[in-house]
Amino acid sequence: MTKFIGEKVLMRIFIGESDKHGHIPLHEALVELLRKEGFAGATVLRGVAGFGAHSVFHTDKLLRLSMDLPIVVEVVDDQDKIDAVMPRIDEMMSGGMITLGKATVIRYSHQRE
C-alpha cells in the first residue's frame, strides 16, 4: 500500500438540481466533463435543504419545494488542471457558485504488481 500526502485544490460547484446543460442535468454534464478531462474523481452531493442568491428556501420536506434541491459537485486536483477546465465550466453554468480552497490530501492506494 502506498500513501500520498500533499497539497491540492478543492473545487466545489454549487448548483440547483433543476439546472440543465442542454437537455441533461448540469451536474451530470459537469461530472462527464471532469471525467473526460482526466480528473481522478468527482463527487455529487445532494442537499436536503438550502437557499441561494434569491433567498428561496428549498427543502425535501415540502413536495413543491423539493424539485430544485441544492447540488454540490466536488473535485480535488492540481491548480493547473482546475484552471485549464474552468473556462469550459463557466460556459456550462448560468448561475450558481464555485469555490476554490487549498486541501491537504491523504490518499491510500494499493500498489499494482
PDB file of N, CA and C in Angstrom:
ATOM      1  N   MET A   1       0.853  -1.171   0.000  1.00  0.00           N
ATOM      2  CA  MET A   1       0.000   0.000   0.000  1.00  0.00           C
ATOM      3  C   MET A   1       0.901   1.237   0.000  1.00  0.00           C
ATOM      4  N   THR A   2       0.543   2.233  -0.825  1.00  0.00           N
ATOM      5  CA  THR A   2       1.277   3.495  -0.840  1.00  0.00           C
ATOM      6  C   THR A   2       0.396   4.586  -0.241  1.00  0.00           C
ATOM      7  N   LYS A   3       1.054   5.610   0.274  1.00  0.00           N
ATOM      8  CA  LYS A   3       0.339   6.715   0.901  1.00  0.00           C
ATOM      9  C   LYS A   3       0.852   8.007   0.275  1.00  0.00           C
ATOM     10  N   PHE A   4      -0.064   8.856  -0.178  1.00  0.00           N
ATOM     11  CA  PHE A   4       0.277  10.152  -0.751  1.00  0.00           C
ATOM     12  C   PHE A   4      -0.225  11.237   0.188  1.00  0.00           C
ATOM     13  N   ILE A   5       0.631  12.180   0.526  1.00  0.00           N
ATOM     14  CA  ILE A   5       0.219  13.353   1.300  1.00  0.00           C
ATOM     15  C   ILE A   5       0.730  14.567   0.550  1.00  0.00           C
ATOM     16  N   GLY A   6      -0.159  15.498   0.239  1.00  0.00           N
ATOM     17  CA  GLY A   6       0.269  16.683  -0.486  1.00  0.00           C
ATOM     18  C   GLY A   6      -0.820  17.724  -0.568  1.00  0.00           C
ATOM     19  N   GLU A   7      -0.456  18.881  -1.093  1.00  0.00           N
ATOM     20  CA  GLU A   7      -1.396  19.982  -1.246  1.00  0.00           C
ATOM     21  C   GLU A   7      -2.061  19.922  -2.613  1.00  0.00           C
ATOM     22  N   LYS A   8      -3.347  20.056  -2.641  1.00  0.00           N
ATOM     23  CA  LYS A   8      -4.141  20.111  -3.866  1.00  0.00           C
ATOM     24  C   LYS A   8      -5.157  21.232  -3.717  1.00  0.00           C
ATOM     25  N   VAL A   9      -6.027  21.373  -4.704  1.00  0.00           N
ATOM     26  CA  VAL A   9      -7.091  22.376  -4.661  1.00  0.00           C
ATOM     27  C   VAL A   9      -8.429  21.655  -4.651  1.00  0.00           C
ATOM     28  N   LEU A  10      -9.303  22.054  -3.738  1.00  0.00           N
ATOM     29  CA  LEU A  10     -10.666  21.538  -3.666  1.00  0.00           C
ATOM     30  C   LEU A  10     -11.578  22.534  -4.365  1.00  0.00           C
ATOM     31  N   MET A  11     -12.244  22.087  -5.424  1.00  0.00           N
ATOM     32  CA  MET A  11     -13.225  22.917  -6.125  1.00  0.00           C
ATOM     33  C   MET A  11     -14.606  22.392  -5.792  1.00  0.00           C
ATOM     34  N   ARG A  12     -15.475  23.304  -5.348  1.00  0.00           N
ATOM     35  CA  ARG A  12     -16.876  22.974  -5.086  1.00  0.00           C
ATOM     36  C   ARG A  12     -17.731  23.811  -6.018  1.00  0.00           C
ATOM     37  N   ILE A  13     -18.626  23.152  -6.724  1.00  0.00           N
ATOM     38  CA  ILE A  13     -19.537  23.817  -7.650  1.00  0.00           C
ATOM     39  C   ILE A  13     -20.940  23.682  -7.080  1.00  0.00           C
ATOM     40  N   PHE A  14     -21.539  24.810  -6.695  1.00  0.00           N
ATOM     41  CA  PHE A  14     -22.864  24.836  -6.084  1.00  0.00           C
ATOM     42  C   PHE A  14     -23.886  25.195  -7.155  1.00  0.00           C
ATOM     43  N   ILE A  15     -24.825  24.287  -7.382  1.00  0.00           N
ATOM     44  CA  ILE A  15     -25.874  24.497  -8.386  1.00  0.00           C
ATOM     45  C   ILE A  15     -27.193  23.988  -7.826  1.00  0.00           C
ATOM     46  N   GLY A  16     -28.240  24.093  -8.618  1.00  0.00           N
ATOM     47  CA  GLY A  16     -29.537  23.552  -8.250  1.00  0.00           C
ATOM     48  C   GLY A  16     -29.815  22.268  -9.009  1.00  0.00           C
ATOM     49  N   GLU A  17     -30.621  21.432  -8.411  1.00  0.00           N
ATOM     50  CA  GLU A  17     -30.953  20.140  -9.012  1.00  0.00           C
ATOM     51  C   GLU A  17     -31.634  20.294 -10.370  1.00  0.00           C
ATOM     52  N   SER A  18     -32.350  21.383 -10.578  1.00  0.00           N
ATOM     53  CA  SER A  18     -33.071  21.554 -11.840  1.00  0.00           C
ATOM     54  C   SER A  18     -32.220  22.231 -12.927  1.00  0.00           C
ATOM     55  N   ASP A  19     -30.990  22.638 -12.603  1.00  0.00           N
ATOM     56  CA  ASP A  19     -30.127  23.263 -13.603  1.00  0.00           C
ATOM     57  C   ASP A  19     -29.773  22.267 -14.700  1.00  0.00           C
ATOM     58  N   LYS A  20     -29.780  22.755 -15.922  1.00  0.00           N
ATOM     59  CA  LYS A  20     -29.523  21.890 -17.088  1.00  0.00           C
ATOM     60  C   LYS A  20     -28.377  22.444 -17.923  1.00  0.00           C
ATOM     61  N   HIS A  21     -27.754  21.555 -18.657  1.00  0.00           N
ATOM     62  CA  HIS A  21     -26.822  21.913 -19.723  1.00  0.00           C
ATOM     63  C   HIS A  21     -27.351  21.205 -20.958  1.00  0.00           C
ATOM     64  N   GLY A  22     -27.967  21.973 -21.836  1.00  0.00           N
ATOM     65  CA  GLY A  22     -28.689  21.340 -22.937  1.00  0.00           C
ATOM     66  C   GLY A  22     -29.903  20.637 -22.367  1.00  0.00           C
ATOM     67  N   HIS A  23     -29.988  19.348 -22.640  1.00  0.00           N
ATOM     68  CA  HIS A  23     -31.146  18.569 -22.175  1.00  0.00           C
ATOM     69  C   HIS A  23     -30.821  17.660 -20.994  1.00  0.00           C
ATOM     70  N   ILE A  24     -29.583  17.742 -20.480  1.00  0.00           N
ATOM     71  CA  ILE A  24     -29.234  16.849 -19.374  1.00  0.00           C
ATOM     72  C   ILE A  24     -28.970  17.658 -18.108  1.00  0.00           C
ATOM     73  N   PRO A  25     -29.122  17.030 -16.947  1.00  0.00           N
ATOM     74  CA  PRO A  25     -28.841  17.741 -15.697  1.00  0.00           C
ATOM     75  C   PRO A  25     -27.402  18.270 -15.682  1.00  0.00           C
ATOM     76  N   LEU A  26     -27.236  19.492 -15.208  1.00  0.00           N
ATOM     77  CA  LEU A  26     -25.925  20.130 -15.207  1.00  0.00           C
ATOM     78  C   LEU A  26     -24.907  19.325 -14.422  1.00  0.00           C
ATOM     79  N   HIS A  27     -25.314  18.761 -13.284  1.00  0.00           N
ATOM     80  CA  HIS A  27     -24.330  18.007 -12.500  1.00  0.00           C
ATOM     81  C   HIS A  27     -23.799  16.799 -13.269  1.00  0.00           C
ATOM     82  N   GLU A  28     -24.643  16.165 -14.074  1.00  0.00           N
ATOM     83  CA  GLU A  28     -24.183  15.039 -14.892  1.00  0.00           C
ATOM     84  C   GLU A  28     -23.220  15.516 -15.973  1.00  0.00           C
ATOM     85  N   ALA A  29     -23.527  16.649 -16.593  1.00  0.00           N
ATOM     86  CA  ALA A  29     -22.653  17.207 -17.631  1.00  0.00           C
ATOM     87  C   ALA A  29     -21.300  17.597 -17.038  1.00  0.00           C
ATOM     88  N   LEU A  30     -21.304  18.170 -15.834  1.00  0.00           N
ATOM     89  CA  LEU A  30     -20.053  18.558 -15.193  1.00  0.00           C
ATOM     90  C   LEU A  30     -19.196  17.345 -14.856  1.00  0.00           C
ATOM     91  N   VAL A  31     -19.806  16.311 -14.300  1.00  0.00           N
ATOM     92  CA  VAL A  31     -19.068  15.097 -13.954  1.00  0.00           C
ATOM     93  C   VAL A  31     -18.492  14.455 -15.213  1.00  0.00           C
ATOM     94  N   GLU A  32     -19.255  14.429 -16.280  1.00  0.00           N
ATOM     95  CA  GLU A  32     -18.759  13.852 -17.532  1.00  0.00           C
ATOM     96  C   GLU A  32     -17.585  14.668 -18.083  1.00  0.00           C
ATOM     97  N   LEU A  33     -17.665  15.996 -18.011  1.00  0.00           N
ATOM     98  CA  LEU A  33     -16.561  16.850 -18.444  1.00  0.00           C
ATOM     99  C   LEU A  33     -15.305  16.548 -17.626  1.00  0.00           C
ATOM    100  N   LEU A  34     -15.448  16.488 -16.313  1.00  0.00           N
ATOM    101  CA  LEU A  34     -14.309  16.219 -15.447  1.00  0.00           C
ATOM    102  C   LEU A  34     -13.710  14.846 -15.729  1.00  0.00           C
ATOM    103  N   ARG A  35     -14.555  13.866 -16.005  1.00  0.00           N
ATOM    104  CA  ARG A  35     -14.067  12.520 -16.339  1.00  0.00           C
ATOM    105  C   ARG A  35     -13.271  12.554 -17.637  1.00  0.00           C
ATOM    106  N   LYS A  36     -13.822  13.216 -18.654  1.00  0.00           N
ATOM    107  CA  LYS A  36     -13.136  13.297 -19.950  1.00  0.00           C
ATOM    108  C   LYS A  36     -11.822  14.058 -19.863  1.00  0.00           C
ATOM    109  N   GLU A  37     -11.739  15.004 -18.937  1.00  0.00           N
ATOM    110  CA  GLU A  37     -10.523  15.808 -18.780  1.00  0.00           C
ATOM    111  C   GLU A  37      -9.476  15.110 -17.900  1.00  0.00           C
ATOM    112  N   GLY A  38      -9.783  13.898 -17.452  1.00  0.00           N
ATOM    113  CA  GLY A  38      -8.790  13.098 -16.748  1.00  0.00           C
ATOM    114  C   GLY A  38      -8.657  13.344 -15.258  1.00  0.00           C
ATOM    115  N   PHE A  39      -9.674  13.943 -14.644  1.00  0.00           N
ATOM    116  CA  PHE A  39      -9.642  14.117 -13.195  1.00  0.00           C
ATOM    117  C   PHE A  39      -9.764  12.748 -12.531  1.00  0.00           C
ATOM    118  N   ALA A  40      -9.146  12.611 -11.372  1.00  0.00           N
ATOM    119  CA  ALA A  40      -9.132  11.314 -10.686  1.00  0.00           C
ATOM    120  C   ALA A  40     -10.505  10.923 -10.171  1.00  0.00           C
ATOM    121  N   GLY A  41     -11.363  11.903  -9.894  1.00  0.00           N
ATOM    122  CA  GLY A  41     -12.692  11.596  -9.391  1.00  0.00           C
ATOM    123  C   GLY A  41     -13.469  12.859  -9.112  1.00  0.00           C
ATOM    124  N   ALA A  42     -14.753  12.710  -9.018  1.00  0.00           N
ATOM    125  CA  ALA A  42     -15.654  13.807  -8.670  1.00  0.00           C
ATOM    126  C   ALA A  42     -16.798  13.207  -7.877  1.00  0.00           C
ATOM    127  N   THR A  43     -17.348  13.992  -6.973  1.00  0.00           N
ATOM    128  CA  THR A  43     -18.461  13.533  -6.152  1.00  0.00           C
ATOM    129  C   THR A  43     -19.593  14.537  -6.251  1.00  0.00           C
ATOM    130  N   VAL A  44     -20.817  14.031  -6.418  1.00  0.00           N
ATOM    131  CA  VAL A  44     -22.010  14.878  -6.438  1.00  0.00           C
ATOM    132  C   VAL A  44     -22.757  14.647  -5.134  1.00  0.00           C
ATOM    133  N   LEU A  45     -23.002  15.749  -4.415  1.00  0.00           N
ATOM    134  CA  LEU A  45     -23.721  15.687  -3.150  1.00  0.00           C
ATOM    135  C   LEU A  45     -25.058  16.397  -3.320  1.00  0.00           C
ATOM    136  N   ARG A  46     -26.127  15.758  -2.862  1.00  0.00           N
ATOM    137  CA  ARG A  46     -27.470  16.344  -2.946  1.00  0.00           C
ATOM    138  C   ARG A  46     -27.875  16.814  -1.563  1.00  0.00           C
ATOM    139  N   GLY A  47     -28.153  18.097  -1.456  1.00  0.00           N
ATOM    140  CA  GLY A  47     -28.529  18.665  -0.171  1.00  0.00           C
ATOM    141  C   GLY A  47     -29.977  18.399   0.179  1.00  0.00           C
ATOM    142  N   VAL A  48     -30.284  18.431   1.458  1.00  0.00           N
ATOM    143  CA  VAL A  48     -31.666  18.246   1.910  1.00  0.00           C
ATOM    144  C   VAL A  48     -32.374  19.576   2.072  1.00  0.00           C
ATOM    145  N   ALA A  49     -31.591  20.673   2.119  1.00  0.00           N
ATOM    146  CA  ALA A  49     -32.184  21.997   2.232  1.00  0.00           C
ATOM    147  C   ALA A  49     -31.128  23.041   1.895  1.00  0.00           C
ATOM    148  N   GLY A  50     -31.600  24.218   1.478  1.00  0.00           N
ATOM    149  CA  GLY A  50     -30.683  25.311   1.219  1.00  0.00           C
ATOM    150  C   GLY A  50     -31.382  26.454   0.513  1.00  0.00           C
ATOM    151  N   PHE A  51     -30.644  27.560   0.345  1.00  0.00           N
ATOM    152  CA  PHE A  51     -31.149  28.679  -0.433  1.00  0.00           C
ATOM    153  C   PHE A  51     -29.978  29.320  -1.140  1.00  0.00           C
ATOM    154  N   GLY A  52     -30.276  30.048  -2.197  1.00  0.00           N
ATOM    155  CA  GLY A  52     -29.238  30.672  -2.994  1.00  0.00           C
ATOM    156  C   GLY A  52     -29.398  32.171  -3.060  1.00  0.00           C
ATOM    157  N   ALA A  53     -28.963  32.760  -4.155  1.00  0.00           N
ATOM    158  CA  ALA A  53     -28.911  34.213  -4.312  1.00  0.00           C
ATOM    159  C   ALA A  53     -30.276  34.878  -4.183  1.00  0.00           C
ATOM    160  N   HIS A  54     -31.342  34.178  -4.538  1.00  0.00           N
ATOM    161  CA  HIS A  54     -32.685  34.757  -4.477  1.00  0.00           C
ATOM    162  C   HIS A  54     -33.374  34.499  -3.143  1.00  0.00           C
ATOM    163  N   SER A  55     -32.671  33.864  -2.206  1.00  0.00           N
ATOM    164  CA  SER A  55     -33.164  33.574  -0.857  1.00  0.00           C
ATOM    165  C   SER A  55     -34.418  32.704  -0.827  1.00  0.00           C
ATOM    166  N   VAL A  56     -34.654  31.937  -1.878  1.00  0.00           N
ATOM    167  CA  VAL A  56     -35.770  30.988  -1.885  1.00  0.00           C
ATOM    168  C   VAL A  56     -35.298  29.717  -1.188  1.00  0.00           C
ATOM    169  N   PHE A  57     -36.010  29.335  -0.125  1.00  0.00           N
ATOM    170  CA  PHE A  57     -35.637  28.155   0.651  1.00  0.00           C
ATOM    171  C   PHE A  57     -36.159  26.903  -0.040  1.00  0.00           C
ATOM    172  N   HIS A  58     -35.274  25.968  -0.305  1.00  0.00           N
ATOM    173  CA  HIS A  58     -35.639  24.691  -0.921  1.00  0.00           C
ATOM    174  C   HIS A  58     -35.396  23.603   0.107  1.00  0.00           C
ATOM    175  N   THR A  59     -36.357  22.722   0.254  1.00  0.00           N
ATOM    176  CA  THR A  59     -36.241  21.647   1.230  1.00  0.00           C
ATOM    177  C   THR A  59     -36.894  20.385   0.692  1.00  0.00           C
ATOM    178  N   ASP A  60     -36.439  19.244   1.189  1.00  0.00           N
ATOM    179  CA  ASP A  60     -37.070  17.982   0.785  1.00  0.00           C
ATOM    180  C   ASP A  60     -38.299  17.679   1.622  1.00  0.00           C
ATOM    181  N   LYS A  61     -38.664  18.561   2.547  1.00  0.00           N
ATOM    182  CA  LYS A  61     -39.828  18.336   3.411  1.00  0.00           C
ATOM    183  C   LYS A  61     -41.141  18.744   2.758  1.00  0.00           C
ATOM    184  N   LEU A  62     -41.077  19.656   1.809  1.00  0.00           N
ATOM    185  CA  LEU A  62     -42.277  20.106   1.111  1.00  0.00           C
ATOM    186  C   LEU A  62     -42.171  19.698  -0.346  1.00  0.00           C
ATOM    187  N   LEU A  63     -43.130  18.913  -0.820  1.00  0.00           N
ATOM    188  CA  LEU A  63     -43.051  18.364  -2.162  1.00  0.00           C
ATOM    189  C   LEU A  63     -42.858  19.442  -3.218  1.00  0.00           C
ATOM    190  N   ARG A  64     -43.585  20.540  -3.113  1.00  0.00           N
ATOM    191  CA  ARG A  64     -43.497  21.562  -4.146  1.00  0.00           C
ATOM    192  C   ARG A  64     -42.159  22.304  -4.135  1.00  0.00           C
ATOM    193  N   LEU A  65     -41.414  22.250  -3.029  1.00  0.00           N
ATOM    194  CA  LEU A  65     -40.114  22.910  -2.957  1.00  0.00           C
ATOM    195  C   LEU A  65     -38.950  21.932  -3.092  1.00  0.00           C
ATOM    196  N   SER A  66     -39.262  20.666  -3.356  1.00  0.00           N
ATOM    197  CA  SER A  66     -38.207  19.661  -3.416  1.00  0.00           C
ATOM    198  C   SER A  66     -37.716  19.411  -4.834  1.00  0.00           C
ATOM    199  N   MET A  67     -38.175  20.205  -5.791  1.00  0.00           N
ATOM    200  CA  MET A  67     -37.795  19.968  -7.179  1.00  0.00           C
ATOM    201  C   MET A  67     -36.463  20.627  -7.551  1.00  0.00           C
ATOM    202  N   ASP A  68     -35.933  21.477  -6.695  1.00  0.00           N
ATOM    203  CA  ASP A  68     -34.690  22.168  -7.016  1.00  0.00           C
ATOM    204  C   ASP A  68     -33.771  22.195  -5.799  1.00  0.00           C
ATOM    205  N   LEU A  69     -33.489  21.014  -5.267  1.00  0.00           N
ATOM    206  CA  LEU A  69     -32.623  20.924  -4.099  1.00  0.00           C
ATOM    207  C   LEU A  69     -31.189  21.291  -4.462  1.00  0.00           C
ATOM    208  N   PRO A  70     -30.412  21.720  -3.464  1.00  0.00           N
ATOM    209  CA  PRO A  70     -29.024  22.087  -3.742  1.00  0.00           C
ATOM    210  C   PRO A  70     -28.188  20.879  -4.146  1.00  0.00           C
ATOM    211  N   ILE A  71     -27.285  21.110  -5.077  1.00  0.00           N
ATOM    212  CA  ILE A  71     -26.339  20.095  -5.536  1.00  0.00           C
ATOM    213  C   ILE A  71     -24.939  20.700  -5.415  1.00  0.00           C
ATOM    214  N   VAL A  72     -23.989  19.914  -4.922  1.00  0.00           N
ATOM    215  CA  VAL A  72     -22.598  20.332  -4.874  1.00  0.00           C
ATOM    216  C   VAL A  72     -21.772  19.271  -5.601  1.00  0.00           C
ATOM    217  N   VAL A  73     -20.989  19.712  -6.583  1.00  0.00           N
ATOM    218  CA  VAL A  73     -20.046  18.833  -7.274  1.00  0.00           C
ATOM    219  C   VAL A  73     -18.670  19.157  -6.705  1.00  0.00           C
ATOM    220  N   GLU A  74     -17.995  18.153  -6.154  1.00  0.00           N
ATOM    221  CA  GLU A  74     -16.673  18.356  -5.561  1.00  0.00           C
ATOM    222  C   GLU A  74     -15.618  17.595  -6.348  1.00  0.00           C
ATOM    223  N   VAL A  75     -14.479  18.243  -6.509  1.00  0.00           N
ATOM    224  CA  VAL A  75     -13.343  17.611  -7.177  1.00  0.00           C
ATOM    225  C   VAL A  75     -12.067  18.165  -6.556  1.00  0.00           C
ATOM    226  N   VAL A  76     -11.054  17.321  -6.411  1.00  0.00           N
ATOM    227  CA  VAL A  76      -9.765  17.720  -5.859  1.00  0.00           C
ATOM    228  C   VAL A  76      -8.687  17.391  -6.881  1.00  0.00           C
ATOM    229  N   ASP A  77      -7.870  18.387  -7.221  1.00  0.00           N
ATOM    230  CA  ASP A  77      -6.783  18.146  -8.170  1.00  0.00           C
ATOM    231  C   ASP A  77      -5.791  19.301  -8.098  1.00  0.00           C
ATOM    232  N   ASP A  78      -4.848  19.323  -9.035  1.00  0.00           N
ATOM    233  CA  ASP A  78      -3.852  20.384  -9.102  1.00  0.00           C
ATOM    234  C   ASP A  78      -4.476  21.674  -9.614  1.00  0.00           C
ATOM    235  N   GLN A  79      -3.939  22.810  -9.161  1.00  0.00           N
ATOM    236  CA  GLN A  79      -4.427  24.121  -9.581  1.00  0.00           C
ATOM    237  C   GLN A  79      -4.400  24.271 -11.100  1.00  0.00           C
ATOM    238  N   ASP A  80      -3.326  23.821 -11.739  1.00  0.00           N
ATOM    239  CA  ASP A  80      -3.206  23.948 -13.193  1.00  0.00           C
ATOM    240  C   ASP A  80      -4.326  23.219 -13.922  1.00  0.00           C
ATOM    241  N   LYS A  81      -4.669  22.045 -13.445  1.00  0.00           N
ATOM    242  CA  LYS A  81      -5.720  21.250 -14.084  1.00  0.00           C
ATOM    243  C   LYS A  81      -7.084  21.920 -13.917  1.00  0.00           C
ATOM    244  N   ILE A  82      -7.343  22.445 -12.732  1.00  0.00           N
ATOM    245  CA  ILE A  82      -8.604  23.146 -12.479  1.00  0.00           C
ATOM    246  C   ILE A  82      -8.670  24.422 -13.308  1.00  0.00           C
ATOM    247  N   ASP A  83      -7.569  25.175 -13.369  1.00  0.00           N
ATOM    248  CA  ASP A  83      -7.534  26.395 -14.180  1.00  0.00           C
ATOM    249  C   ASP A  83      -7.824  26.097 -15.651  1.00  0.00           C
ATOM    250  N   ALA A  84      -7.306  24.980 -16.143  1.00  0.00           N
ATOM    251  CA  ALA A  84      -7.491  24.622 -17.548  1.00  0.00           C
ATOM    252  C   ALA A  84      -8.941  24.302 -17.895  1.00  0.00           C
ATOM    253  N   VAL A  85      -9.682  23.705 -16.963  1.00  0.00           N
ATOM    254  CA  VAL A  85     -11.066  23.302 -17.243  1.00  0.00           C
ATOM    255  C   VAL A  85     -12.069  24.403 -16.892  1.00  0.00           C
ATOM    256  N   MET A  86     -11.652  25.408 -16.131  1.00  0.00           N
ATOM    257  CA  MET A  86     -12.578  26.441 -15.658  1.00  0.00           C
ATOM    258  C   MET A  86     -13.328  27.173 -16.779  1.00  0.00           C
ATOM    259  N   PRO A  87     -12.700  27.553 -17.890  1.00  0.00           N
ATOM    260  CA  PRO A  87     -13.472  28.213 -18.952  1.00  0.00           C
ATOM    261  C   PRO A  87     -14.619  27.359 -19.490  1.00  0.00           C
ATOM    262  N   ARG A  88     -14.427  26.060 -19.575  1.00  0.00           N
ATOM    263  CA  ARG A  88     -15.498  25.169 -20.053  1.00  0.00           C
ATOM    264  C   ARG A  88     -16.613  25.071 -19.032  1.00  0.00           C
ATOM    265  N   ILE A  89     -16.257  25.048 -17.755  1.00  0.00           N
ATOM    266  CA  ILE A  89     -17.277  25.030 -16.701  1.00  0.00           C
ATOM    267  C   ILE A  89     -18.069  26.331 -16.728  1.00  0.00           C
ATOM    268  N   ASP A  90     -17.373  27.453 -16.869  1.00  0.00           N
ATOM    269  CA  ASP A  90     -18.042  28.757 -16.942  1.00  0.00           C
ATOM    270  C   ASP A  90     -19.077  28.798 -18.060  1.00  0.00           C
ATOM    271  N   GLU A  91     -18.744  28.222 -19.200  1.00  0.00           N
ATOM    272  CA  GLU A  91     -19.670  28.195 -20.338  1.00  0.00           C
ATOM    273  C   GLU A  91     -20.931  27.384 -20.041  1.00  0.00           C
ATOM    274  N   MET A  92     -20.817  26.387 -19.194  1.00  0.00           N
ATOM    275  CA  MET A  92     -21.928  25.481 -18.903  1.00  0.00           C
ATOM    276  C   MET A  92     -22.890  26.049 -17.864  1.00  0.00           C
ATOM    277  N   MET A  93     -22.422  26.990 -17.059  1.00  0.00           N
ATOM    278  CA  MET A  93     -23.215  27.472 -15.933  1.00  0.00           C
ATOM    279  C   MET A  93     -23.903  28.790 -16.244  1.00  0.00           C
ATOM    280  N   SER A  94     -25.161  28.886 -15.837  1.00  0.00           N
ATOM    281  CA  SER A  94     -25.892  30.147 -15.978  1.00  0.00           C
ATOM    282  C   SER A  94     -26.129  30.798 -14.609  1.00  0.00           C
ATOM    283  N   GLY A  95     -25.781  30.105 -13.560  1.00  0.00           N
ATOM    284  CA  GLY A  95     -25.915  30.606 -12.193  1.00  0.00           C
ATOM    285  C   GLY A  95     -25.145  29.689 -11.280  1.00  0.00           C
ATOM    286  N   GLY A  96     -25.302  29.882  -9.997  1.00  0.00           N
ATOM    287  CA  GLY A  96     -24.593  29.044  -9.048  1.00  0.00           C
ATOM    288  C   GLY A  96     -23.356  29.726  -8.517  1.00  0.00           C
ATOM    289  N   MET A  97     -22.474  28.940  -7.925  1.00  0.00           N
ATOM    290  CA  MET A  97     -21.267  29.477  -7.323  1.00  0.00           C
ATOM    291  C   MET A  97     -20.187  28.410  -7.351  1.00  0.00           C
ATOM    292  N   ILE A  98     -18.941  28.844  -7.519  1.00  0.00           N
ATOM    293  CA  ILE A  98     -17.790  27.951  -7.460  1.00  0.00           C
ATOM    294  C   ILE A  98     -16.854  28.473  -6.384  1.00  0.00           C
ATOM    295  N   THR A  99     -16.401  27.584  -5.512  1.00  0.00           N
ATOM    296  CA  THR A  99     -15.397  27.956  -4.527  1.00  0.00           C
ATOM    297  C   THR A  99     -14.155  27.106  -4.743  1.00  0.00           C
ATOM    298  N   LEU A 100     -13.006  27.701  -4.453  1.00  0.00           N
ATOM    299  CA  LEU A 100     -11.726  27.002  -4.530  1.00  0.00           C
ATOM    300  C   LEU A 100     -11.023  27.172  -3.199  1.00  0.00           C
ATOM    301  N   GLY A 101     -10.424  26.112  -2.713  1.00  0.00           N
ATOM    302  CA  GLY A 101      -9.679  26.185  -1.464  1.00  0.00           C
ATOM    303  C   GLY A 101      -8.551  25.175  -1.460  1.00  0.00           C
ATOM    304  N   LYS A 102      -7.559  25.445  -0.662  1.00  0.00           N
ATOM    305  CA  LYS A 102      -6.450  24.506  -0.527  1.00  0.00           C
ATOM    306  C   LYS A 102      -6.905  23.312   0.304  1.00  0.00           C
ATOM    307  N   ALA A 103      -6.431  22.148  -0.077  1.00  0.00           N
ATOM    308  CA  ALA A 103      -6.763  20.926   0.652  1.00  0.00           C
ATOM    309  C   ALA A 103      -5.494  20.109   0.843  1.00  0.00           C
ATOM    310  N   THR A 104      -5.310  19.618   2.042  1.00  0.00           N
ATOM    311  CA  THR A 104      -4.244  18.657   2.286  1.00  0.00           C
ATOM    312  C   THR A 104      -4.830  17.284   2.033  1.00  0.00           C
ATOM    313  N   VAL A 105      -4.267  16.600   1.077  1.00  0.00           N
ATOM    314  CA  VAL A 105      -4.805  15.309   0.656  1.00  0.00           C
ATOM    315  C   VAL A 105      -3.984  14.192   1.274  1.00  0.00           C
ATOM    316  N   ILE A 106      -4.671  13.239   1.838  1.00  0.00           N
ATOM    317  CA  ILE A 106      -4.053  11.992   2.297  1.00  0.00           C
ATOM    318  C   ILE A 106      -4.775  10.884   1.556  1.00  0.00           C
ATOM    319  N   ARG A 107      -4.042  10.201   0.712  1.00  0.00           N
ATOM    320  CA  ARG A 107      -4.670   9.181  -0.135  1.00  0.00           C
ATOM    321  C   ARG A 107      -3.897   7.884   0.018  1.00  0.00           C
ATOM    322  N   TYR A 108      -4.632   6.824   0.166  1.00  0.00           N
ATOM    323  CA  TYR A 108      -4.049   5.493   0.252  1.00  0.00           C
ATOM    324  C   TYR A 108      -4.402   4.748  -1.032  1.00  0.00           C
ATOM    325  N   SER A 109      -3.459   4.045  -1.582  1.00  0.00           N
ATOM    326  CA  SER A 109      -3.755   3.242  -2.768  1.00  0.00           C
ATOM    327  C   SER A 109      -2.913   1.972  -2.726  1.00  0.00           C
ATOM    328  N   HIS A 110      -3.431   0.968  -3.388  1.00  0.00           N
ATOM    329  CA  HIS A 110      -2.714  -0.294  -3.489  1.00  0.00           C
ATOM    330  C   HIS A 110      -1.723  -0.196  -4.614  1.00  0.00           C
ATOM    331  N   GLN A 111      -0.546  -0.734  -4.394  1.00  0.00           N
ATOM    332  CA  GLN A 111       0.435  -0.772  -5.463  1.00  0.00           C
ATOM    333  C   GLN A 111       0.042  -1.865  -6.437  1.00  0.00           C
ATOM    334  N   ARG A 112       0.192  -1.582  -7.707  1.00  0.00           N
ATOM    335  CA  ARG A 112      -0.086  -2.602  -8.719  1.00  0.00           C
ATOM    336  C   ARG A 112       1.167  -3.451  -8.911  1.00  0.00           C
ATOM    337  N   GLU A 113       0.958  -4.741  -8.976  1.00  0.00           N
ATOM    338  CA  GLU A 113       2.108  -5.647  -9.122  1.00  0.00           C
ATOM    339  C   GLU A 113       2.346  -5.965 -10.572  1.00  0.00           C
TER     340      GLU A 113
END
